[in-house]
Amino acid sequence: MTKDDVETKKIEEVEKENILGTEKVGKLLVKFAVPGIISMVVNSLYNIVDQIFIGRGVGYLGNGATSVIFPLTTFAMAFSLLFGDGAAAFYSLKLGENKKEEAAKSTLAGLTGFIIGGFIISIFYLLFFTKLCRIFGASDAILPYAVDYGKIITYGLPFAAVCAGGSSIIRADGSPRFNMVGLFVGTIINLILDPIFIFVFHWGVKGAAFATILGQIANAVLNLYYFARRMKNVKLNIFLWKKSFNYIPKVARLGVSSFITQMAMVVAMAARNNVLLKYGALSKYGPDIPITTLGITMKTFSIIMSIVIGLSVGAQPIFGYNYGSGKYDRVKKTYKLVAICCTIICFVAFAIAQLKPMAVISIFGSESDLYNEFAIKCMRIYLMLIPTVGFQIMSGIFFQSLGYPIQASLLSLSKQIIFQLPATIIIPIFMGVEGVLWAGPVSDVFALLLTIILLLMYWKKIFTPRVTE
């Protein structure tokens, strides 16, 4: 048997055992993306469910507290996704190259990274919690609620890390449904316990926090069970774990885009909350209404982004496997299909935000006319150019999936930091508190232009056949 025959046989064996290289792209996208979308949406509901019940059981100051704590949890998730998304991308690429031992080591490296990171961040938060709440925009009225809610959430961060980071790897292993079930279990527990703890036991924001971490614990246990017993393409053991530490930097390199995306959100939210606090106090709305209502808009926006990210991340194994296998036509076809779907989803969100904003706002409780007035402005202005956002986000994940972390990171930084952060600081000088809302669509325009420029620059290079030794 010649060398070419051996290589051909290897390729045929890989394709037989992995449908990523053979199944129709549309069917693959449904198989991987639909459960991924559901998983991401369900995951985003952890915070949203809390906010709905807190708004109705505690009031808008309680909702303001969740807006202050949200960037703290996002900061913790940044480290989870650094190792989780990085391990998932590395895993898919190595499966495409039929290097299963390296794929297994990357999984263990990811697990090690996000579990240890979760514990370290939890300890750090508990030591400086009140100061951190102030940094992220807690007013005097909101601070007590933020401390009560956030400290309990902090105890659950190691479990939340296993939920977020582990989900990415489980999807890459070809089990998006298992991941979806785990998230469903956690969210259902949260959904059941929230009204009991808030309305029956009268625990207020503390009850919402307890409900959240109990759901996360259940989800984390299921994820750990999967890694121990259910992995499809590789087997994990203690001997491989000892050899996996050298893979931690490699995994982190591919996960840096997700990390930067989350960290950019943290910085942007910190700046946004403090600017809202400053200029809100100078307006008729006061310091608390703007933080609370824009927080609701951001949480609602996160559902749409969860659909877009779930669709894009669901395509990640398809991108990575086929790119690693040299099947560039399948990669291009997947990209086009995902881009079209993401744009349609964002157009639907735009229509709802512009035509029926109060229908969304009222879900979280309705306060004064002043509160409703600013909440409607948040929906209509901040989400004005949301149709452009899906294309930008999925393009960043596309670059990440193919091993282009610098380009992916640049796109991740573009909206939140490069464009939106300066706009958030500068525009309110001239427009007051409403200027924070206009920073959203302004940054969307520039982020879209950057996305198009990067695609034009690198598209041909990406799909130039690689020379292998």
Protein backbone atom coordinates (compact mmCIF):
# COMPACT_ATOMS: atom_id res chain seq x y z
CA MET A 1 0.00 0.00 0.00
CA THR A 2 1.43 3.39 -1.03
CA LYS A 3 1.68 6.44 1.19
CA ASP A 4 -1.17 8.11 -0.74
CA ASP A 5 -3.35 5.03 -0.19
CA VAL A 6 -2.69 5.18 3.54
CA GLU A 7 -3.61 8.86 3.69
CA THR A 8 -6.79 8.25 1.66
CA LYS A 9 -7.80 5.43 3.99
CA LYS A 10 -7.25 7.63 7.03
CA ILE A 11 -9.47 10.35 5.56
CA GLU A 12 -12.20 7.82 4.73
CA GLU A 13 -12.11 6.41 8.28
CA VAL A 14 -12.43 9.88 9.82
CA GLU A 15 -15.37 10.79 7.56
CA LYS A 16 -17.19 7.57 8.37
CA GLU A 17 -17.06 8.21 12.08
CA ASN A 18 -17.80 11.95 11.99
CA ILE A 19 -20.77 13.38 10.10
CA LEU A 20 -19.25 16.88 10.23
CA GLY A 21 -17.38 16.08 7.04
CA THR A 22 -20.13 14.30 5.13
CA GLU A 23 -23.65 15.38 6.12
CA LYS A 24 -25.42 18.22 4.30
CA VAL A 25 -24.53 21.59 5.81
CA GLY A 26 -28.17 22.57 6.35
CA LYS A 27 -28.93 19.40 8.29
CA LEU A 28 -25.74 19.77 10.33
CA LEU A 29 -26.62 23.33 11.21
CA VAL A 30 -30.04 22.24 12.43
CA LYS A 31 -28.50 19.39 14.42
CA PHE A 32 -25.85 21.51 16.10
CA ALA A 33 -27.23 25.04 16.05
CA VAL A 34 -30.84 24.52 17.17
CA PRO A 35 -29.86 22.81 20.43
CA GLY A 36 -27.07 25.41 20.72
CA ILE A 37 -29.55 28.25 20.32
CA ILE A 38 -31.88 26.74 22.89
CA SER A 39 -28.95 26.21 25.22
CA MET A 40 -27.73 29.79 24.91
CA VAL A 41 -31.22 31.25 25.32
CA VAL A 42 -31.90 29.07 28.33
CA ASN A 43 -28.55 30.09 29.79
CA SER A 44 -29.39 33.78 29.37
CA LEU A 45 -32.71 33.18 31.12
CA TYR A 46 -30.88 32.59 34.42
CA ASN A 47 -30.53 36.34 34.92
CA ILE A 48 -33.67 37.33 33.08
CA VAL A 49 -35.93 35.08 35.15
CA ASP A 50 -34.47 36.65 38.29
CA GLN A 51 -35.10 40.11 36.93
CA ILE A 52 -38.74 39.38 36.06
CA PHE A 53 -39.58 38.07 39.53
CA ILE A 54 -37.47 40.69 41.30
CA GLY A 55 -39.20 43.46 39.34
CA ARG A 56 -42.61 42.19 40.38
CA GLY A 57 -41.72 41.14 43.93
CA VAL A 58 -39.12 43.69 45.02
CA GLY A 59 -39.34 46.64 42.64
CA TYR A 60 -37.13 48.46 40.21
CA LEU A 61 -34.32 49.01 42.75
CA GLY A 62 -33.95 45.24 42.93
CA ASN A 63 -33.71 45.16 39.15
CA GLY A 64 -31.13 47.90 39.33
CA ALA A 65 -29.10 45.61 41.59
CA THR A 66 -29.06 42.87 38.97
CA SER A 67 -27.78 45.42 36.44
CA VAL A 68 -24.89 46.21 38.77
CA ILE A 69 -24.07 42.53 39.42
CA PHE A 70 -24.36 41.50 35.76
CA PRO A 71 -20.90 42.83 34.77
CA LEU A 72 -19.37 41.01 37.75
CA THR A 73 -20.80 37.70 36.60
CA THR A 74 -19.77 38.52 33.04
CA PHE A 75 -16.19 39.07 34.24
CA ALA A 76 -16.22 35.61 35.80
CA MET A 77 -17.68 34.07 32.66
CA ALA A 78 -14.90 35.64 30.61
CA PHE A 79 -12.41 33.28 32.22
CA SER A 80 -14.74 30.32 31.81
CA LEU A 81 -15.09 30.97 28.10
CA LEU A 82 -11.37 31.67 27.69
CA PHE A 83 -10.76 28.01 28.47
CA GLY A 84 -14.14 26.54 27.48
CA ASP A 85 -14.49 28.08 24.01
CA GLY A 86 -10.75 27.75 23.44
CA ALA A 87 -10.82 24.05 24.28
CA ALA A 88 -13.87 23.56 22.05
CA ALA A 89 -12.19 25.24 19.06
CA PHE A 90 -8.92 23.31 19.58
CA TYR A 91 -10.89 20.09 20.06
CA SER A 92 -12.79 20.50 16.76
CA LEU A 93 -9.63 21.31 14.81
CA LYS A 94 -7.78 18.29 16.19
CA LEU A 95 -10.70 15.95 15.50
CA GLY A 96 -10.67 17.21 11.92
CA GLU A 97 -6.97 16.29 11.77
CA ASN A 98 -7.71 12.91 13.41
CA LYS A 99 -5.46 13.72 16.40
CA LYS A 100 -7.68 12.39 19.17
CA GLU A 101 -5.15 12.36 21.97
CA GLU A 102 -4.44 16.05 21.47
CA ALA A 103 -8.19 16.69 21.41
CA ALA A 104 -8.57 14.88 24.75
CA LYS A 105 -5.70 16.82 26.32
CA SER A 106 -7.24 20.11 25.21
CA THR A 107 -10.50 19.15 26.91
CA LEU A 108 -8.74 18.45 30.19
CA ALA A 109 -6.74 21.66 29.89
CA GLY A 110 -9.98 23.60 29.44
CA LEU A 111 -11.57 21.92 32.46
CA THR A 112 -8.57 22.71 34.64
CA GLY A 113 -8.53 26.34 33.55
CA PHE A 114 -12.16 27.28 34.10
CA ILE A 115 -12.64 25.36 37.36
CA ILE A 116 -9.61 26.91 39.04
CA GLY A 117 -10.52 30.31 37.61
CA GLY A 118 -14.02 30.09 39.08
CA PHE A 119 -12.71 29.52 42.60
CA ILE A 120 -10.11 32.29 42.40
CA ILE A 121 -12.59 34.89 41.16
CA SER A 122 -15.15 33.90 43.80
CA ILE A 123 -12.64 34.45 46.60
CA PHE A 124 -11.52 37.78 45.14
CA TYR A 125 -15.10 39.06 44.88
CA LEU A 126 -15.95 38.17 48.46
CA LEU A 127 -12.93 40.12 49.73
CA PHE A 128 -13.83 43.36 47.91
CA PHE A 129 -17.53 43.06 47.17
CA THR A 130 -18.91 46.44 48.29
CA LYS A 131 -16.12 48.33 46.52
CA LEU A 132 -16.75 46.34 43.34
CA CYS A 133 -20.45 47.23 43.43
CA ARG A 134 -19.54 50.91 43.62
CA ILE A 135 -17.14 50.54 40.70
CA PHE A 136 -19.92 49.05 38.59
CA GLY A 137 -22.35 51.89 39.24
CA ALA A 138 -24.34 51.09 42.40
CA SER A 139 -26.11 54.16 43.76
CA ASP A 140 -26.81 54.59 47.46
CA ALA A 141 -30.34 53.27 46.95
CA ILE A 142 -29.30 50.24 44.87
CA LEU A 143 -26.20 49.23 46.87
CA PRO A 144 -27.93 47.22 49.68
CA TYR A 145 -29.86 45.17 47.11
CA ALA A 146 -26.72 44.62 45.04
CA VAL A 147 -24.76 43.34 48.04
CA ASP A 148 -27.55 40.99 49.15
CA TYR A 149 -28.01 39.56 45.66
CA GLY A 150 -24.41 39.54 44.49
CA LYS A 151 -22.69 37.88 47.43
CA ILE A 152 -24.89 34.81 47.09
CA ILE A 153 -24.33 34.72 43.33
CA THR A 154 -20.59 34.84 44.02
CA TYR A 155 -20.71 31.57 45.99
CA GLY A 156 -22.04 29.87 42.88
CA LEU A 157 -19.37 31.14 40.45
CA PRO A 158 -17.31 27.90 40.40
CA PHE A 159 -20.46 26.00 39.38
CA ALA A 160 -21.36 28.68 36.84
CA ALA A 161 -17.87 28.26 35.36
CA VAL A 162 -18.47 24.53 34.82
CA CYS A 163 -21.82 25.35 33.21
CA ALA A 164 -20.49 27.96 30.77
CA GLY A 165 -17.09 26.51 29.95
CA GLY A 166 -18.26 22.91 29.89
CA SER A 167 -21.15 23.64 27.55
CA SER A 168 -18.81 24.70 24.74
CA ILE A 169 -16.80 21.48 24.92
CA ILE A 170 -19.90 19.27 25.12
CA ARG A 171 -21.29 20.89 21.96
CA ALA A 172 -17.96 20.42 20.17
CA ASP A 173 -18.03 16.73 21.14
CA GLY A 174 -21.25 16.37 19.18
CA SER A 175 -23.74 16.38 22.06
CA PRO A 176 -25.63 19.67 21.85
CA ARG A 177 -28.80 17.97 23.09
CA PHE A 178 -27.14 16.83 26.30
CA ASN A 179 -25.90 20.37 26.84
CA MET A 180 -29.41 21.66 26.20
CA VAL A 181 -30.90 19.26 28.74
CA GLY A 182 -28.41 20.37 31.39
CA LEU A 183 -29.26 24.02 30.87
CA PHE A 184 -32.98 23.24 30.88
CA VAL A 185 -32.67 21.47 34.21
CA GLY A 186 -30.86 24.43 35.75
CA THR A 187 -33.30 26.98 34.38
CA ILE A 188 -36.40 25.03 35.41
CA ILE A 189 -35.04 24.77 38.96
CA ASN A 190 -34.45 28.52 38.94
CA LEU A 191 -37.90 29.19 37.48
CA ILE A 192 -39.64 27.05 40.11
CA LEU A 193 -37.67 28.32 43.10
CA ASP A 194 -37.72 32.05 42.23
CA PRO A 195 -41.42 32.66 43.03
CA ILE A 196 -41.26 30.35 46.06
CA PHE A 197 -38.25 32.10 47.59
CA ILE A 198 -39.43 35.63 46.70
CA PHE A 199 -43.21 35.51 47.22
CA VAL A 200 -43.66 32.64 49.70
CA PHE A 201 -40.53 32.85 51.86
CA HIS A 202 -40.19 36.64 51.30
CA TRP A 203 -36.42 36.43 50.83
CA GLY A 204 -36.40 39.21 48.23
CA VAL A 205 -33.29 39.48 46.06
CA LYS A 206 -31.54 36.88 48.22
CA GLY A 207 -34.19 34.35 47.24
CA ALA A 208 -33.62 35.04 43.54
CA ALA A 209 -29.88 34.55 44.03
CA PHE A 210 -30.35 31.24 45.89
CA ALA A 211 -32.64 29.98 43.13
CA THR A 212 -30.03 30.87 40.52
CA ILE A 213 -27.08 29.09 42.12
CA LEU A 214 -29.11 25.96 42.90
CA GLY A 215 -29.95 25.72 39.21
CA GLN A 216 -26.29 26.23 38.31
CA ILE A 217 -25.19 23.48 40.69
CA ALA A 218 -27.55 20.99 39.04
CA ASN A 219 -26.31 21.97 35.57
CA ALA A 220 -22.66 21.72 36.65
CA VAL A 221 -23.15 18.21 38.07
CA LEU A 222 -24.62 17.04 34.76
CA ASN A 223 -21.71 18.55 32.81
CA LEU A 224 -19.13 16.85 35.01
CA TYR A 225 -20.96 13.55 34.59
CA TYR A 226 -20.72 13.98 30.82
CA PHE A 227 -16.96 14.47 30.94
CA ALA A 228 -16.53 11.44 33.16
CA ARG A 229 -18.86 9.01 31.35
CA ARG A 230 -20.34 10.30 28.10
CA MET A 231 -17.61 11.78 25.86
CA LYS A 232 -18.19 10.50 22.31
CA ASN A 233 -14.95 11.02 20.42
CA VAL A 234 -12.30 10.74 23.14
CA LYS A 235 -11.84 9.22 26.57
CA LEU A 236 -10.58 11.27 29.47
CA ASN A 237 -8.40 9.84 32.25
CA ILE A 238 -5.98 10.90 34.96
CA PHE A 239 -2.92 9.98 32.90
CA LEU A 240 -3.91 12.32 30.08
CA TRP A 241 -4.73 15.03 32.61
CA LYS A 242 -1.12 15.02 33.84
CA LYS A 243 -0.01 15.64 30.25
CA SER A 244 -2.60 18.33 29.54
CA PHE A 245 -1.03 21.29 31.33
CA ASN A 246 1.12 22.20 28.32
CA TYR A 247 -2.10 22.62 26.34
CA ILE A 248 -3.52 25.33 28.60
CA PRO A 249 -1.75 28.17 26.69
CA LYS A 250 -2.80 26.65 23.34
CA VAL A 251 -6.42 26.43 24.48
CA ALA A 252 -6.37 29.95 25.90
CA ARG A 253 -5.00 31.28 22.61
CA LEU A 254 -8.05 30.07 20.71
CA GLY A 255 -10.42 31.21 23.46
CA VAL A 256 -9.01 34.72 23.69
CA SER A 257 -11.68 36.13 21.37
CA SER A 258 -14.48 34.95 23.65
CA PHE A 259 -12.53 36.23 26.65
CA ILE A 260 -12.02 39.64 25.12
CA THR A 261 -15.67 39.80 24.10
CA GLN A 262 -16.75 39.23 27.69
CA MET A 263 -14.12 41.57 29.15
CA ALA A 264 -15.11 44.25 26.66
CA MET A 265 -18.68 43.89 27.90
CA VAL A 266 -17.48 44.29 31.49
CA VAL A 267 -15.58 47.49 30.74
CA ALA A 268 -18.43 48.84 28.63
CA MET A 269 -21.04 48.06 31.30
CA ALA A 270 -18.92 49.64 34.04
CA ALA A 271 -18.51 52.83 32.00
CA ARG A 272 -22.15 52.82 30.92
CA ASN A 273 -23.49 52.36 34.47
CA ASN A 274 -21.31 55.14 35.86
CA VAL A 275 -22.18 57.56 33.06
CA LEU A 276 -25.87 56.76 33.55
CA LEU A 277 -25.45 57.37 37.28
CA LYS A 278 -23.77 60.74 36.69
CA TYR A 279 -26.01 62.16 33.98
CA GLY A 280 -29.16 60.47 35.28
CA ALA A 281 -28.75 62.37 38.56
CA LEU A 282 -28.73 65.61 36.54
CA SER A 283 -31.92 64.68 34.64
CA LYS A 284 -35.57 64.38 35.53
CA TYR A 285 -35.18 60.58 35.61
CA GLY A 286 -32.78 60.46 38.57
CA PRO A 287 -29.80 58.06 38.96
CA ASP A 288 -31.70 54.78 39.39
CA ILE A 289 -34.23 54.70 36.51
CA PRO A 290 -31.64 54.92 33.69
CA ILE A 291 -29.46 52.12 35.13
CA THR A 292 -32.47 49.88 35.69
CA THR A 293 -34.21 50.44 32.35
CA LEU A 294 -31.09 50.16 30.20
CA GLY A 295 -30.25 47.04 32.19
CA ILE A 296 -33.61 45.58 31.16
CA THR A 297 -32.91 46.50 27.53
CA MET A 298 -29.51 44.83 27.74
CA LYS A 299 -31.01 41.67 29.25
CA THR A 300 -33.65 41.58 26.51
CA PHE A 301 -30.92 42.23 23.95
CA SER A 302 -28.98 39.31 25.44
CA ILE A 303 -31.76 36.91 24.41
CA ILE A 304 -31.36 37.97 20.77
CA MET A 305 -27.59 37.75 21.06
CA SER A 306 -27.98 34.31 22.64
CA ILE A 307 -29.82 33.16 19.52
CA VAL A 308 -27.14 34.65 17.27
CA ILE A 309 -24.27 33.28 19.34
CA GLY A 310 -25.98 29.91 19.74
CA LEU A 311 -26.36 29.67 15.98
CA SER A 312 -22.76 30.75 15.40
CA VAL A 313 -21.28 28.54 18.10
CA GLY A 314 -23.41 25.67 16.82
CA ALA A 315 -21.66 26.16 13.49
CA GLN A 316 -18.23 26.23 15.14
CA PRO A 317 -17.63 22.45 14.96
CA ILE A 318 -18.68 22.53 11.30
CA PHE A 319 -16.29 25.39 10.58
CA GLY A 320 -13.40 23.85 12.51
CA TYR A 321 -13.72 20.26 11.37
CA ASN A 322 -14.11 21.03 7.67
CA TYR A 323 -11.39 23.66 7.71
CA GLY A 324 -9.05 21.19 9.41
CA SER A 325 -10.00 18.63 6.76
CA GLY A 326 -9.41 21.08 3.91
CA LYS A 327 -13.07 21.14 2.79
CA TYR A 328 -13.26 24.86 2.16
CA ASP A 329 -16.46 24.81 0.10
CA ARG A 330 -18.35 23.42 3.08
CA VAL A 331 -16.90 26.14 5.31
CA LYS A 332 -17.99 28.88 2.87
CA LYS A 333 -21.46 27.41 2.52
CA THR A 334 -21.87 27.23 6.31
CA TYR A 335 -20.71 30.83 6.71
CA LYS A 336 -23.21 32.13 4.16
CA LEU A 337 -26.12 30.23 5.70
CA VAL A 338 -25.29 31.37 9.25
CA ALA A 339 -24.87 35.01 8.14
CA ILE A 340 -28.31 35.03 6.49
CA CYS A 341 -30.01 33.45 9.51
CA CYS A 342 -28.36 35.82 12.00
CA THR A 343 -29.41 38.88 9.99
CA ILE A 344 -33.03 37.73 9.75
CA ILE A 345 -33.16 37.10 13.52
CA CYS A 346 -31.84 40.59 14.24
CA PHE A 347 -34.38 42.20 11.91
CA VAL A 348 -37.20 40.51 13.84
CA ALA A 349 -35.74 41.87 17.09
CA PHE A 350 -35.55 45.34 15.55
CA ALA A 351 -39.23 45.23 14.61
CA ILE A 352 -40.28 44.25 18.14
CA ALA A 353 -38.12 46.93 19.77
CA GLN A 354 -39.46 49.68 17.53
CA LEU A 355 -43.14 48.68 17.33
CA LYS A 356 -43.91 47.04 20.68
CA PRO A 357 -41.34 48.21 23.26
CA MET A 358 -43.81 48.45 26.15
CA ALA A 359 -44.91 44.86 25.64
CA VAL A 360 -41.36 43.80 26.50
CA ILE A 361 -40.82 46.32 29.29
CA SER A 362 -44.04 45.41 31.12
CA ILE A 363 -42.83 41.82 31.56
CA PHE A 364 -40.35 43.13 34.12
CA GLY A 365 -42.93 45.20 35.94
CA SER A 366 -44.23 48.70 35.25
CA GLU A 367 -43.35 51.57 37.54
CA SER A 368 -44.08 55.30 37.06
CA ASP A 369 -44.78 57.12 33.80
CA LEU A 370 -41.26 58.54 34.02
CA TYR A 371 -39.83 55.04 34.31
CA ASN A 372 -41.84 53.82 31.30
CA GLU A 373 -40.86 56.86 29.26
CA PHE A 374 -37.12 56.23 29.61
CA ALA A 375 -37.53 52.47 29.20
CA ILE A 376 -39.19 52.98 25.81
CA LYS A 377 -36.38 55.30 24.75
CA CYS A 378 -33.87 52.63 25.73
CA MET A 379 -35.55 50.02 23.56
CA ARG A 380 -35.99 52.20 20.49
CA ILE A 381 -32.71 54.10 20.47
CA TYR A 382 -30.20 51.58 21.81
CA LEU A 383 -31.47 48.77 19.55
CA MET A 384 -31.94 50.98 16.50
CA LEU A 385 -29.25 49.25 14.42
CA ILE A 386 -29.46 45.77 15.88
CA PRO A 387 -29.93 44.26 12.37
CA THR A 388 -26.19 44.79 11.77
CA VAL A 389 -25.00 43.13 14.96
CA GLY A 390 -25.64 39.46 14.14
CA PHE A 391 -23.40 39.55 11.06
CA GLN A 392 -20.56 41.07 13.07
CA ILE A 393 -20.79 38.59 15.94
CA MET A 394 -20.96 35.48 13.76
CA SER A 395 -18.00 36.72 11.71
CA GLY A 396 -15.92 36.99 14.88
CA ILE A 397 -16.80 33.41 15.84
CA PHE A 398 -16.00 32.35 12.27
CA PHE A 399 -12.47 33.78 12.54
CA GLN A 400 -12.02 32.16 15.96
CA SER A 401 -13.15 28.76 14.70
CA LEU A 402 -10.56 28.75 11.93
CA GLY A 403 -7.64 29.67 14.17
CA TYR A 404 -7.49 33.44 13.53
CA PRO A 405 -7.66 34.77 17.12
CA ILE A 406 -6.27 38.25 16.38
CA GLN A 407 -8.95 39.05 13.81
CA ALA A 408 -11.62 37.51 16.02
CA SER A 409 -10.42 39.52 19.01
CA LEU A 410 -10.41 42.75 17.02
CA LEU A 411 -14.03 42.21 16.04
CA SER A 412 -14.90 41.35 19.63
CA LEU A 413 -13.30 44.57 20.84
CA SER A 414 -14.69 46.78 18.11
CA LYS A 415 -18.25 47.35 19.26
CA GLN A 416 -17.85 47.38 23.02
CA ILE A 417 -14.46 49.07 23.45
CA ILE A 418 -13.01 50.62 20.29
CA PHE A 419 -16.24 52.35 19.25
CA GLN A 420 -18.88 52.19 21.99
CA LEU A 421 -16.76 53.14 24.99
CA PRO A 422 -15.63 56.50 23.56
CA ALA A 423 -19.15 57.17 22.31
CA THR A 424 -20.59 56.41 25.76
CA ILE A 425 -18.25 58.94 27.35
CA ILE A 426 -18.37 61.69 24.70
CA ILE A 427 -21.98 61.83 23.42
CA PRO A 428 -23.62 62.40 26.87
CA ILE A 429 -21.51 65.56 27.25
CA PHE A 430 -23.70 67.08 24.53
CA MET A 431 -26.93 65.08 24.91
CA GLY A 432 -27.10 64.23 28.60
CA VAL A 433 -28.26 60.84 29.82
CA GLU A 434 -29.89 59.99 26.46
CA GLY A 435 -26.45 60.19 24.86
CA VAL A 436 -25.63 56.83 26.43
CA LEU A 437 -28.43 55.29 24.39
CA TRP A 438 -27.22 56.83 21.13
CA ALA A 439 -23.76 55.33 21.72
CA GLY A 440 -25.29 51.95 20.80
CA PRO A 441 -26.26 52.62 17.15
CA VAL A 442 -23.20 54.83 16.57
CA SER A 443 -20.86 51.98 17.54
CA ASP A 444 -22.89 49.47 15.49
CA VAL A 445 -22.18 51.41 12.28
CA PHE A 446 -18.41 51.46 12.78
CA ALA A 447 -18.29 47.83 13.95
CA LEU A 448 -20.08 46.73 10.79
CA LEU A 449 -17.60 48.61 8.59
CA LEU A 450 -14.65 46.98 10.39
CA THR A 451 -16.19 43.53 9.93
CA ILE A 452 -16.56 44.06 6.19
CA ILE A 453 -12.98 45.36 5.90
CA LEU A 454 -11.49 42.34 7.72
CA LEU A 455 -13.47 39.89 5.62
CA LEU A 456 -12.28 41.56 2.41
CA MET A 457 -8.68 41.48 3.66
CA TYR A 458 -8.53 37.87 4.84
CA TRP A 459 -11.14 35.89 2.90
CA LYS A 460 -8.80 34.88 0.09
CA LYS A 461 -5.96 34.07 2.49
CA ILE A 462 -8.18 31.91 4.69
CA PHE A 463 -9.20 29.70 1.78
CA THR A 464 -5.81 29.40 0.11
CA PRO A 465 -4.91 25.69 0.34
CA ARG A 466 -2.34 25.11 3.07
CA VAL A 467 0.99 23.47 2.32
CA THR A 468 1.62 20.55 4.66
CA GLU A 469 4.88 18.75 5.21
